[in-house]
Amino acid sequence: MKKDIHPNYRPIVIKDASSDWSFLTRSTAKTSETVKWTDGKEYPCITVETTSASHPFFTGKTKAVDTAGRIEKFKRKYEKAGAKA
């Protein structure tokens, strides 16, 4: 392998923002955030919105999302657009 052309492949912690779940893996992702892991060492940390611990497909739970406002906004937008055409 050529030297100095490959990204730094290192241990990194992935933290789920919507649940209190984290896991240690390896990645080349860059981050300035760090976290102390259960082994006492400090690792770079990436916080993500959804992982298998919080995604409805994997958990079997659905989250109620307030879409009423979005639907009304969509209808208003395209009613106006339809009137102009």
N, C-alpha and C. Protein backbone atom coordinates (compact mmCIF):
# COMPACT_ATOMS: atom_id res chain seq x y z
N MET A 1 0.83 -1.18 0.00
CA MET A 1 0.00 0.00 0.00
C MET A 1 0.88 1.25 0.00
N LYS A 2 0.41 2.26 -0.71
CA LYS A 2 1.13 3.53 -0.72
C LYS A 2 0.91 4.25 0.61
N LYS A 3 1.92 4.93 1.07
CA LYS A 3 1.82 5.66 2.33
C LYS A 3 1.19 7.03 2.11
N ASP A 4 0.49 7.50 3.15
CA ASP A 4 -0.07 8.85 3.21
C ASP A 4 -1.17 9.14 2.18
N ILE A 5 -1.82 8.11 1.64
CA ILE A 5 -2.94 8.37 0.73
C ILE A 5 -4.26 7.83 1.27
N HIS A 6 -4.19 7.04 2.33
CA HIS A 6 -5.38 6.42 2.88
C HIS A 6 -5.90 7.22 4.08
N PRO A 7 -7.22 7.30 4.26
CA PRO A 7 -7.76 8.01 5.42
C PRO A 7 -7.46 7.25 6.71
N ASN A 8 -7.51 7.95 7.82
CA ASN A 8 -7.24 7.37 9.13
C ASN A 8 -8.42 6.49 9.55
N TYR A 9 -8.22 5.18 9.58
CA TYR A 9 -9.25 4.22 9.97
C TYR A 9 -9.05 3.91 11.43
N ARG A 10 -9.96 4.37 12.28
CA ARG A 10 -9.75 4.29 13.73
C ARG A 10 -11.04 3.90 14.44
N PRO A 11 -10.93 3.49 15.71
CA PRO A 11 -12.14 3.22 16.51
C PRO A 11 -12.91 4.52 16.72
N ILE A 12 -14.25 4.43 16.71
CA ILE A 12 -15.10 5.60 16.87
C ILE A 12 -16.41 5.16 17.53
N VAL A 13 -17.00 6.04 18.33
CA VAL A 13 -18.27 5.75 18.99
C VAL A 13 -19.39 6.41 18.20
N ILE A 14 -20.44 5.64 17.90
CA ILE A 14 -21.64 6.16 17.26
C ILE A 14 -22.71 6.27 18.34
N LYS A 15 -23.26 7.47 18.53
CA LYS A 15 -24.24 7.71 19.59
C LYS A 15 -25.59 8.08 18.97
N ASP A 16 -26.64 7.42 19.42
CA ASP A 16 -28.00 7.68 18.95
C ASP A 16 -28.58 8.85 19.74
N ALA A 17 -29.00 9.90 19.04
CA ALA A 17 -29.53 11.10 19.70
C ALA A 17 -30.91 10.88 20.28
N SER A 18 -31.70 9.98 19.69
CA SER A 18 -33.07 9.80 20.16
C SER A 18 -33.21 8.70 21.21
N SER A 19 -32.18 7.95 21.43
CA SER A 19 -32.19 6.97 22.52
C SER A 19 -30.84 7.04 23.22
N ASP A 20 -30.73 6.42 24.35
CA ASP A 20 -29.47 6.46 25.09
C ASP A 20 -28.65 5.22 24.75
N TRP A 21 -28.31 5.08 23.48
CA TRP A 21 -27.60 3.89 23.01
C TRP A 21 -26.39 4.31 22.19
N SER A 22 -25.27 3.67 22.43
CA SER A 22 -24.04 3.94 21.70
C SER A 22 -23.35 2.63 21.41
N PHE A 23 -22.51 2.65 20.38
CA PHE A 23 -21.70 1.46 20.10
C PHE A 23 -20.36 1.87 19.54
N LEU A 24 -19.39 1.03 19.76
CA LEU A 24 -18.02 1.27 19.33
C LEU A 24 -17.79 0.50 18.03
N THR A 25 -17.30 1.20 17.04
CA THR A 25 -17.01 0.59 15.74
C THR A 25 -15.75 1.23 15.19
N ARG A 26 -15.47 1.02 13.93
CA ARG A 26 -14.32 1.66 13.29
C ARG A 26 -14.82 2.46 12.10
N SER A 27 -14.17 3.60 11.85
CA SER A 27 -14.62 4.47 10.77
C SER A 27 -13.50 5.42 10.36
N THR A 28 -13.68 6.01 9.18
CA THR A 28 -12.77 7.06 8.72
C THR A 28 -13.41 8.44 8.85
N ALA A 29 -14.61 8.50 9.41
CA ALA A 29 -15.33 9.77 9.56
C ALA A 29 -14.57 10.72 10.47
N LYS A 30 -14.61 12.00 10.10
CA LYS A 30 -13.91 13.02 10.89
C LYS A 30 -14.89 13.70 11.83
N THR A 31 -14.45 13.91 13.06
CA THR A 31 -15.25 14.59 14.06
C THR A 31 -14.34 15.21 15.12
N SER A 32 -14.81 16.27 15.73
CA SER A 32 -14.04 16.90 16.80
C SER A 32 -14.57 16.52 18.18
N GLU A 33 -15.76 15.90 18.21
CA GLU A 33 -16.38 15.49 19.47
C GLU A 33 -15.75 14.19 19.97
N THR A 34 -15.55 14.09 21.28
CA THR A 34 -15.01 12.86 21.87
C THR A 34 -15.89 12.43 23.04
N VAL A 35 -15.77 11.16 23.40
CA VAL A 35 -16.54 10.62 24.52
C VAL A 35 -15.71 9.54 25.20
N LYS A 36 -15.88 9.41 26.52
CA LYS A 36 -15.19 8.38 27.28
C LYS A 36 -16.01 7.10 27.21
N TRP A 37 -15.41 6.02 26.76
CA TRP A 37 -16.10 4.75 26.58
C TRP A 37 -15.99 3.90 27.85
N THR A 38 -16.68 2.78 27.89
CA THR A 38 -16.72 1.94 29.08
C THR A 38 -15.38 1.33 29.44
N ASP A 39 -14.45 1.26 28.49
CA ASP A 39 -13.13 0.72 28.78
C ASP A 39 -12.19 1.78 29.38
N GLY A 40 -12.69 2.99 29.58
CA GLY A 40 -11.91 4.06 30.18
C GLY A 40 -11.16 4.91 29.17
N LYS A 41 -11.13 4.51 27.91
CA LYS A 41 -10.42 5.27 26.88
C LYS A 41 -11.36 6.30 26.27
N GLU A 42 -10.78 7.35 25.70
CA GLU A 42 -11.55 8.39 25.05
C GLU A 42 -11.49 8.17 23.53
N TYR A 43 -12.67 8.19 22.90
CA TYR A 43 -12.76 7.95 21.46
C TYR A 43 -13.49 9.10 20.78
N PRO A 44 -13.23 9.31 19.48
CA PRO A 44 -14.03 10.27 18.73
C PRO A 44 -15.48 9.79 18.71
N CYS A 45 -16.43 10.72 18.66
CA CYS A 45 -17.84 10.37 18.73
C CYS A 45 -18.62 11.09 17.65
N ILE A 46 -19.52 10.34 17.00
CA ILE A 46 -20.44 10.93 16.03
C ILE A 46 -21.85 10.69 16.57
N THR A 47 -22.65 11.75 16.64
CA THR A 47 -24.03 11.65 17.09
C THR A 47 -24.93 11.62 15.86
N VAL A 48 -25.78 10.59 15.79
CA VAL A 48 -26.70 10.44 14.67
C VAL A 48 -28.13 10.47 15.20
N GLU A 49 -29.08 10.81 14.33
CA GLU A 49 -30.48 10.92 14.76
C GLU A 49 -31.14 9.56 14.94
N THR A 50 -30.81 8.61 14.09
CA THR A 50 -31.50 7.32 14.11
C THR A 50 -30.52 6.17 13.92
N THR A 51 -30.67 5.15 14.75
CA THR A 51 -29.93 3.90 14.58
C THR A 51 -30.94 2.76 14.68
N SER A 52 -30.46 1.55 14.65
CA SER A 52 -31.37 0.41 14.77
C SER A 52 -32.05 0.37 16.14
N ALA A 53 -31.49 1.08 17.12
CA ALA A 53 -32.09 1.11 18.46
C ALA A 53 -33.31 2.02 18.52
N SER A 54 -33.45 2.94 17.55
CA SER A 54 -34.57 3.87 17.61
C SER A 54 -35.42 3.89 16.34
N HIS A 55 -34.99 3.23 15.28
CA HIS A 55 -35.76 3.24 14.03
C HIS A 55 -37.00 2.35 14.15
N PRO A 56 -38.17 2.84 13.74
CA PRO A 56 -39.40 2.07 13.89
C PRO A 56 -39.37 0.70 13.20
N PHE A 57 -38.65 0.57 12.11
CA PHE A 57 -38.58 -0.72 11.42
C PHE A 57 -37.96 -1.79 12.31
N PHE A 58 -36.93 -1.43 13.06
CA PHE A 58 -36.23 -2.38 13.90
C PHE A 58 -36.86 -2.54 15.28
N THR A 59 -37.49 -1.47 15.79
CA THR A 59 -38.07 -1.53 17.13
C THR A 59 -39.51 -2.01 17.12
N GLY A 60 -40.19 -1.89 15.99
CA GLY A 60 -41.59 -2.29 15.91
C GLY A 60 -42.52 -1.25 16.46
N LYS A 61 -42.00 -0.11 16.88
CA LYS A 61 -42.81 0.97 17.42
C LYS A 61 -42.89 2.10 16.40
N THR A 62 -44.07 2.67 16.26
CA THR A 62 -44.20 3.80 15.36
C THR A 62 -44.24 5.08 16.17
N LYS A 63 -43.68 6.12 15.60
CA LYS A 63 -43.69 7.41 16.26
C LYS A 63 -44.78 8.27 15.64
N ALA A 64 -45.52 8.96 16.47
CA ALA A 64 -46.55 9.86 15.98
C ALA A 64 -45.89 11.15 15.52
N VAL A 65 -46.07 11.49 14.27
CA VAL A 65 -45.49 12.69 13.70
C VAL A 65 -46.62 13.66 13.38
N ASP A 66 -46.47 14.90 13.79
CA ASP A 66 -47.49 15.91 13.53
C ASP A 66 -47.38 16.36 12.08
N THR A 67 -48.21 15.78 11.23
CA THR A 67 -48.17 16.12 9.81
C THR A 67 -49.32 17.02 9.40
N ALA A 68 -50.22 17.32 10.29
CA ALA A 68 -51.38 18.14 9.94
C ALA A 68 -50.94 19.49 9.40
N GLY A 69 -50.01 20.12 10.03
CA GLY A 69 -49.51 21.41 9.56
C GLY A 69 -48.83 21.30 8.21
N ARG A 70 -48.10 20.25 7.99
CA ARG A 70 -47.41 20.04 6.72
C ARG A 70 -48.40 19.81 5.59
N ILE A 71 -49.46 19.05 5.86
CA ILE A 71 -50.45 18.76 4.84
C ILE A 71 -51.19 20.03 4.44
N GLU A 72 -51.58 20.83 5.43
CA GLU A 72 -52.27 22.08 5.14
C GLU A 72 -51.37 23.03 4.34
N LYS A 73 -50.11 23.11 4.69
CA LYS A 73 -49.18 23.96 3.97
C LYS A 73 -49.04 23.50 2.52
N PHE A 74 -48.97 22.18 2.31
CA PHE A 74 -48.87 21.61 0.98
C PHE A 74 -50.12 21.96 0.15
N LYS A 75 -51.30 21.80 0.75
CA LYS A 75 -52.55 22.10 0.05
C LYS A 75 -52.63 23.57 -0.33
N ARG A 76 -52.29 24.46 0.61
CA ARG A 76 -52.32 25.90 0.33
C ARG A 76 -51.37 26.26 -0.80
N LYS A 77 -50.19 25.67 -0.77
CA LYS A 77 -49.17 25.97 -1.77
C LYS A 77 -49.64 25.57 -3.17
N TYR A 78 -50.19 24.39 -3.29
CA TYR A 78 -50.57 23.91 -4.62
C TYR A 78 -51.95 24.37 -5.05
N GLU A 79 -52.79 24.83 -4.14
CA GLU A 79 -54.04 25.47 -4.53
C GLU A 79 -53.73 26.80 -5.20
N LYS A 80 -52.80 27.54 -4.66
CA LYS A 80 -52.39 28.82 -5.23
C LYS A 80 -51.71 28.59 -6.58
N ALA A 81 -50.87 27.59 -6.66
CA ALA A 81 -50.17 27.30 -7.91
C ALA A 81 -51.14 26.88 -9.00
N GLY A 82 -52.17 26.12 -8.64
CA GLY A 82 -53.18 25.67 -9.60
C GLY A 82 -54.03 26.83 -10.10
N ALA A 83 -54.29 27.82 -9.27
CA ALA A 83 -55.11 28.97 -9.65
C ALA A 83 -54.40 29.86 -10.66
N LYS A 84 -53.07 29.92 -10.59
CA LYS A 84 -52.28 30.77 -11.49
C LYS A 84 -52.21 30.16 -12.89
N ALA A 85 -52.21 28.87 -12.98
CA ALA A 85 -51.98 28.20 -14.27
C ALA A 85 -53.16 28.28 -15.20
